[in-house]
Amino acid sequence: MARKPCVYRCARAKCLGATLLELLTVLALCAVLASVAVPGYRQLAARQDIAAELARLGGALSLARSAAMASRRPITVCPKGEGTQCGADWAGPLVIVEARGDDGYLSADRRVLRYFAASRVASVHFRQDDKPVRFLPTGRASGHNGTFDICTRQGLAASLVLSNFGRVRQSASAPACR
């Protein structure tokens, strides 16, 4: 087998490895590519976080509405708060329970139907009165309707609208993040 000749003149019989100039050129090229790719990746991750939050909230509200209609009992969706009380942070864990009134308490005698993990977005705002969402046995959310404003740390936003009839849809206009 014939040995290939070295492109560079070497002191040894074989040329091994790459020169320092070649290594620095490759590192500079990698740095330029990374500086272009990282901002695009952050935007992609922020859009994925928005999509995941829309799916999480939409799924929780749809499941609660279906459970209310199937069981013919009121069902409440609220953020899990301290102890046995509903919280106000909709970006935190969500809980779906059988409703008894509109007191916002998760007492031991109420059956918890489902927990949803906390969100990865920066904030989720829903109304100003911190009321939970309650679905009536007819599937309506009368008096508990409103708009969920979802904001990421990168400034991307989306809105999820809950109608009086209990239907959930994504709004065409995005809110201004605070």
C-alpha atoms as a PDB file:
ATOM      1  CA  MET A   1       0.000   0.000   0.000  1.00  0.00           C
ATOM      2  CA  ALA A   2       1.461   3.332  -1.013  1.00  0.00           C
ATOM      3  CA  ARG A   3       1.616   6.129   1.499  1.00  0.00           C
ATOM      4  CA  LYS A   4       0.025   9.459   0.506  1.00  0.00           C
ATOM      5  CA  PRO A   5       2.444  12.340   0.353  1.00  0.00           C
ATOM      6  CA  CYS A   6       2.093  15.139   2.937  1.00  0.00           C
ATOM      7  CA  VAL A   7       0.855  18.468   1.721  1.00  0.00           C
ATOM      8  CA  TYR A   8       3.029  20.269   4.270  1.00  0.00           C
ATOM      9  CA  ARG A   9       6.668  19.537   4.807  1.00  0.00           C
ATOM     10  CA  CYS A  10       7.080  17.776   8.116  1.00  0.00           C
ATOM     11  CA  ALA A  11      10.115  16.886  10.113  1.00  0.00           C
ATOM     12  CA  ARG A  12       8.704  13.396  10.680  1.00  0.00           C
ATOM     13  CA  ALA A  13       7.838  10.795   8.118  1.00  0.00           C
ATOM     14  CA  LYS A  14       4.053  11.266   8.660  1.00  0.00           C
ATOM     15  CA  CYS A  15       2.000  14.466   8.917  1.00  0.00           C
ATOM     16  CA  LEU A  16      -0.500  14.169  11.768  1.00  0.00           C
ATOM     17  CA  GLY A  17      -3.244  16.582  12.907  1.00  0.00           C
ATOM     18  CA  ALA A  18      -4.005  20.093  11.752  1.00  0.00           C
ATOM     19  CA  THR A  19      -2.158  23.351  12.005  1.00  0.00           C
ATOM     20  CA  LEU A  20      -3.013  26.010  14.552  1.00  0.00           C
ATOM     21  CA  LEU A  21      -4.263  28.293  11.802  1.00  0.00           C
ATOM     22  CA  GLU A  22      -6.722  25.643  10.587  1.00  0.00           C
ATOM     23  CA  LEU A  23      -8.031  25.071  14.127  1.00  0.00           C
ATOM     24  CA  LEU A  24      -8.518  28.801  14.746  1.00  0.00           C
ATOM     25  CA  THR A  25     -10.347  29.175  11.432  1.00  0.00           C
ATOM     26  CA  VAL A  26     -12.746  26.357  12.335  1.00  0.00           C
ATOM     27  CA  LEU A  27     -13.336  27.816  15.817  1.00  0.00           C
ATOM     28  CA  ALA A  28     -14.037  31.278  14.368  1.00  0.00           C
ATOM     29  CA  LEU A  29     -16.490  29.792  11.874  1.00  0.00           C
ATOM     30  CA  CYS A  30     -18.281  27.874  14.686  1.00  0.00           C
ATOM     31  CA  ALA A  31     -18.493  31.058  16.783  1.00  0.00           C
ATOM     32  CA  VAL A  32     -20.059  33.008  13.900  1.00  0.00           C
ATOM     33  CA  LEU A  33     -22.604  30.244  13.238  1.00  0.00           C
ATOM     34  CA  ALA A  34     -23.497  30.018  16.948  1.00  0.00           C
ATOM     35  CA  SER A  35     -23.983  33.781  17.235  1.00  0.00           C
ATOM     36  CA  VAL A  36     -26.459  33.628  14.358  1.00  0.00           C
ATOM     37  CA  ALA A  37     -28.292  30.507  15.592  1.00  0.00           C
ATOM     38  CA  VAL A  38     -28.778  31.274  19.321  1.00  0.00           C
ATOM     39  CA  PRO A  39     -31.250  34.215  18.960  1.00  0.00           C
ATOM     40  CA  GLY A  40     -33.318  32.200  16.496  1.00  0.00           C
ATOM     41  CA  TYR A  41     -33.370  29.265  18.889  1.00  0.00           C
ATOM     42  CA  ARG A  42     -34.562  31.488  21.759  1.00  0.00           C
ATOM     43  CA  GLN A  43     -37.444  32.780  19.637  1.00  0.00           C
ATOM     44  CA  LEU A  44     -38.323  29.213  18.663  1.00  0.00           C
ATOM     45  CA  ALA A  45     -38.298  28.130  22.321  1.00  0.00           C
ATOM     46  CA  ALA A  46     -40.506  31.100  23.300  1.00  0.00           C
ATOM     47  CA  ARG A  47     -43.027  30.246  20.569  1.00  0.00           C
ATOM     48  CA  GLN A  48     -43.045  26.620  21.761  1.00  0.00           C
ATOM     49  CA  ASP A  49     -43.657  27.779  25.349  1.00  0.00           C
ATOM     50  CA  ILE A  50     -46.653  29.843  24.159  1.00  0.00           C
ATOM     51  CA  ALA A  51     -48.029  26.871  22.203  1.00  0.00           C
ATOM     52  CA  ALA A  52     -47.555  24.547  25.195  1.00  0.00           C
ATOM     53  CA  GLU A  53     -49.326  27.001  27.520  1.00  0.00           C
ATOM     54  CA  LEU A  54     -52.233  27.417  25.112  1.00  0.00           C
ATOM     55  CA  ALA A  55     -52.541  23.622  24.995  1.00  0.00           C
ATOM     56  CA  ARG A  56     -52.270  23.307  28.807  1.00  0.00           C
ATOM     57  CA  LEU A  57     -54.936  25.927  29.556  1.00  0.00           C
ATOM     58  CA  GLY A  58     -57.175  24.887  26.680  1.00  0.00           C
ATOM     59  CA  GLY A  59     -56.923  21.243  27.712  1.00  0.00           C
ATOM     60  CA  ALA A  60     -57.694  21.982  31.356  1.00  0.00           C
ATOM     61  CA  LEU A  61     -60.720  24.128  30.496  1.00  0.00           C
ATOM     62  CA  SER A  62     -62.051  21.658  27.921  1.00  0.00           C
ATOM     63  CA  LEU A  63     -61.600  18.740  30.313  1.00  0.00           C
ATOM     64  CA  ALA A  64     -63.413  20.598  33.090  1.00  0.00           C
ATOM     65  CA  ARG A  65     -66.289  21.536  30.778  1.00  0.00           C
ATOM     66  CA  SER A  66     -66.624  17.942  29.559  1.00  0.00           C
ATOM     67  CA  ALA A  67     -66.516  16.624  33.131  1.00  0.00           C
ATOM     68  CA  ALA A  68     -69.238  19.078  34.195  1.00  0.00           C
ATOM     69  CA  MET A  69     -71.509  18.008  31.367  1.00  0.00           C
ATOM     70  CA  ALA A  70     -70.805  14.282  31.859  1.00  0.00           C
ATOM     71  CA  SER A  71     -71.238  14.259  35.652  1.00  0.00           C
ATOM     72  CA  ARG A  72     -74.030  16.861  35.672  1.00  0.00           C
ATOM     73  CA  ARG A  73     -72.260  18.697  38.479  1.00  0.00           C
ATOM     74  CA  PRO A  74     -70.447  22.028  38.591  1.00  0.00           C
ATOM     75  CA  ILE A  75     -66.686  21.713  38.076  1.00  0.00           C
ATOM     76  CA  THR A  76     -64.077  24.310  39.059  1.00  0.00           C
ATOM     77  CA  VAL A  77     -60.683  25.020  37.488  1.00  0.00           C
ATOM     78  CA  CYS A  78     -58.299  27.118  39.528  1.00  0.00           C
ATOM     79  CA  PRO A  79     -54.610  27.616  40.196  1.00  0.00           C
ATOM     80  CA  LYS A  80     -53.413  25.574  43.164  1.00  0.00           C
ATOM     81  CA  GLY A  81     -52.788  27.918  46.057  1.00  0.00           C
ATOM     82  CA  GLU A  82     -51.413  27.516  49.554  1.00  0.00           C
ATOM     83  CA  GLY A  83     -53.060  24.808  51.621  1.00  0.00           C
ATOM     84  CA  THR A  84     -56.666  24.245  50.627  1.00  0.00           C
ATOM     85  CA  GLN A  85     -57.337  27.507  48.820  1.00  0.00           C
ATOM     86  CA  CYS A  86     -57.341  28.377  45.148  1.00  0.00           C
ATOM     87  CA  GLY A  87     -54.466  30.637  44.190  1.00  0.00           C
ATOM     88  CA  ALA A  88     -54.176  33.570  41.819  1.00  0.00           C
ATOM     89  CA  ASP A  89     -51.150  32.527  39.743  1.00  0.00           C
ATOM     90  CA  TRP A  90     -52.486  30.877  36.585  1.00  0.00           C
ATOM     91  CA  ALA A  91     -48.924  30.089  35.487  1.00  0.00           C
ATOM     92  CA  GLY A  92     -48.608  27.772  38.494  1.00  0.00           C
ATOM     93  CA  PRO A  93     -50.085  24.288  38.857  1.00  0.00           C
ATOM     94  CA  LEU A  94     -53.782  23.984  37.982  1.00  0.00           C
ATOM     95  CA  VAL A  95     -56.355  21.790  39.695  1.00  0.00           C
ATOM     96  CA  ILE A  96     -59.791  20.617  38.526  1.00  0.00           C
ATOM     97  CA  VAL A  97     -62.242  19.839  41.350  1.00  0.00           C
ATOM     98  CA  GLU A  98     -65.934  19.291  41.876  1.00  0.00           C
ATOM     99  CA  ALA A  99     -67.437  22.673  42.736  1.00  0.00           C
ATOM    100  CA  ARG A 100     -69.575  23.536  45.745  1.00  0.00           C
ATOM    101  CA  GLY A 101     -70.385  27.220  45.581  1.00  0.00           C
ATOM    102  CA  ASP A 102     -67.851  29.754  44.461  1.00  0.00           C
ATOM    103  CA  ASP A 103     -65.757  30.104  47.608  1.00  0.00           C
ATOM    104  CA  GLY A 104     -62.422  29.178  46.076  1.00  0.00           C
ATOM    105  CA  TYR A 105     -61.645  26.524  48.693  1.00  0.00           C
ATOM    106  CA  LEU A 106     -60.341  23.079  47.895  1.00  0.00           C
ATOM    107  CA  SER A 107     -61.723  21.270  50.905  1.00  0.00           C
ATOM    108  CA  ALA A 108     -60.988  17.643  51.696  1.00  0.00           C
ATOM    109  CA  ASP A 109     -64.514  16.540  50.809  1.00  0.00           C
ATOM    110  CA  ARG A 110     -64.179  17.766  47.231  1.00  0.00           C
ATOM    111  CA  ARG A 111     -62.979  15.287  44.703  1.00  0.00           C
ATOM    112  CA  VAL A 112     -59.917  16.374  42.731  1.00  0.00           C
ATOM    113  CA  LEU A 113     -60.303  15.288  39.130  1.00  0.00           C
ATOM    114  CA  ARG A 114     -56.937  16.334  37.724  1.00  0.00           C
ATOM    115  CA  TYR A 115     -53.757  18.267  38.401  1.00  0.00           C
ATOM    116  CA  PHE A 116     -51.843  20.107  35.684  1.00  0.00           C
ATOM    117  CA  ALA A 117     -48.152  20.945  36.086  1.00  0.00           C
ATOM    118  CA  ALA A 118     -46.912  24.522  36.285  1.00  0.00           C
ATOM    119  CA  SER A 119     -46.258  26.473  33.124  1.00  0.00           C
ATOM    120  CA  ARG A 120     -42.885  27.557  31.710  1.00  0.00           C
ATOM    121  CA  VAL A 121     -44.089  30.999  30.585  1.00  0.00           C
ATOM    122  CA  ALA A 122     -43.394  34.141  32.599  1.00  0.00           C
ATOM    123  CA  SER A 123     -46.989  35.110  33.371  1.00  0.00           C
ATOM    124  CA  VAL A 124     -50.618  34.185  32.780  1.00  0.00           C
ATOM    125  CA  HIS A 125     -53.240  36.775  33.770  1.00  0.00           C
ATOM    126  CA  PHE A 126     -56.975  36.102  34.023  1.00  0.00           C
ATOM    127  CA  ARG A 127     -59.425  38.771  35.143  1.00  0.00           C
ATOM    128  CA  GLN A 128     -58.786  41.040  38.095  1.00  0.00           C
ATOM    129  CA  ASP A 129     -61.002  39.441  40.741  1.00  0.00           C
ATOM    130  CA  ASP A 130     -59.015  36.178  41.145  1.00  0.00           C
ATOM    131  CA  LYS A 131     -62.177  34.087  40.758  1.00  0.00           C
ATOM    132  CA  PRO A 132     -61.725  30.484  39.645  1.00  0.00           C
ATOM    133  CA  VAL A 133     -63.414  29.233  36.479  1.00  0.00           C
ATOM    134  CA  ARG A 134     -66.558  27.241  37.202  1.00  0.00           C
ATOM    135  CA  PHE A 135     -68.454  25.226  34.633  1.00  0.00           C
ATOM    136  CA  LEU A 136     -72.132  24.519  35.213  1.00  0.00           C
ATOM    137  CA  PRO A 137     -73.660  21.114  34.382  1.00  0.00           C
ATOM    138  CA  THR A 138     -74.831  22.607  31.073  1.00  0.00           C
ATOM    139  CA  GLY A 139     -71.209  23.323  30.118  1.00  0.00           C
ATOM    140  CA  ARG A 140     -71.602  27.086  30.477  1.00  0.00           C
ATOM    141  CA  ALA A 141     -69.107  29.298  32.279  1.00  0.00           C
ATOM    142  CA  SER A 142     -71.548  32.133  32.951  1.00  0.00           C
ATOM    143  CA  GLY A 143     -69.981  34.788  35.140  1.00  0.00           C
ATOM    144  CA  HIS A 144     -66.635  33.016  34.983  1.00  0.00           C
ATOM    145  CA  ASN A 145     -65.710  33.903  31.434  1.00  0.00           C
ATOM    146  CA  GLY A 146     -62.758  36.057  30.454  1.00  0.00           C
ATOM    147  CA  THR A 147     -59.452  36.231  28.640  1.00  0.00           C
ATOM    148  CA  PHE A 148     -56.203  34.540  29.619  1.00  0.00           C
ATOM    149  CA  ASP A 149     -53.235  36.729  28.656  1.00  0.00           C
ATOM    150  CA  ILE A 150     -50.047  34.684  28.267  1.00  0.00           C
ATOM    151  CA  CYS A 151     -46.611  36.367  28.170  1.00  0.00           C
ATOM    152  CA  THR A 152     -43.105  34.932  27.825  1.00  0.00           C
ATOM    153  CA  ARG A 153     -39.848  36.383  29.124  1.00  0.00           C
ATOM    154  CA  GLN A 154     -38.908  37.255  25.520  1.00  0.00           C
ATOM    155  CA  GLY A 155     -41.996  39.465  25.114  1.00  0.00           C
ATOM    156  CA  LEU A 156     -44.078  37.102  22.967  1.00  0.00           C
ATOM    157  CA  ALA A 157     -47.757  36.946  23.895  1.00  0.00           C
ATOM    158  CA  ALA A 158     -51.033  35.182  23.116  1.00  0.00           C
ATOM    159  CA  SER A 159     -54.600  35.251  24.410  1.00  0.00           C
ATOM    160  CA  LEU A 160     -57.034  32.452  25.151  1.00  0.00           C
ATOM    161  CA  VAL A 161     -60.705  33.479  25.382  1.00  0.00           C
ATOM    162  CA  LEU A 162     -63.276  31.606  27.491  1.00  0.00           C
ATOM    163  CA  SER A 163     -66.823  32.484  26.412  1.00  0.00           C
ATOM    164  CA  ASN A 164     -69.998  32.462  28.511  1.00  0.00           C
ATOM    165  CA  PHE A 165     -70.921  29.249  26.738  1.00  0.00           C
ATOM    166  CA  GLY A 166     -67.751  27.566  28.031  1.00  0.00           C
ATOM    167  CA  ARG A 167     -66.003  27.397  24.688  1.00  0.00           C
ATOM    168  CA  VAL A 168     -62.305  28.160  24.431  1.00  0.00           C
ATOM    169  CA  ARG A 169     -60.635  29.847  21.473  1.00  0.00           C
ATOM    170  CA  GLN A 170     -57.357  31.563  20.731  1.00  0.00           C
ATOM    171  CA  SER A 171     -57.660  35.297  20.176  1.00  0.00           C
ATOM    172  CA  ALA A 172     -56.356  36.799  16.949  1.00  0.00           C
ATOM    173  CA  SER A 173     -54.822  39.766  18.779  1.00  0.00           C
ATOM    174  CA  ALA A 174     -51.990  39.355  21.253  1.00  0.00           C
ATOM    175  CA  PRO A 175     -52.004  41.325  24.517  1.00  0.00           C
ATOM    176  CA  ALA A 176     -49.336  43.816  25.530  1.00  0.00           C
ATOM    177  CA  CYS A 177     -47.066  42.110  28.032  1.00  0.00           C
ATOM    178  CA  ARG A 178     -46.559  43.918  31.328  1.00  0.00           C
END
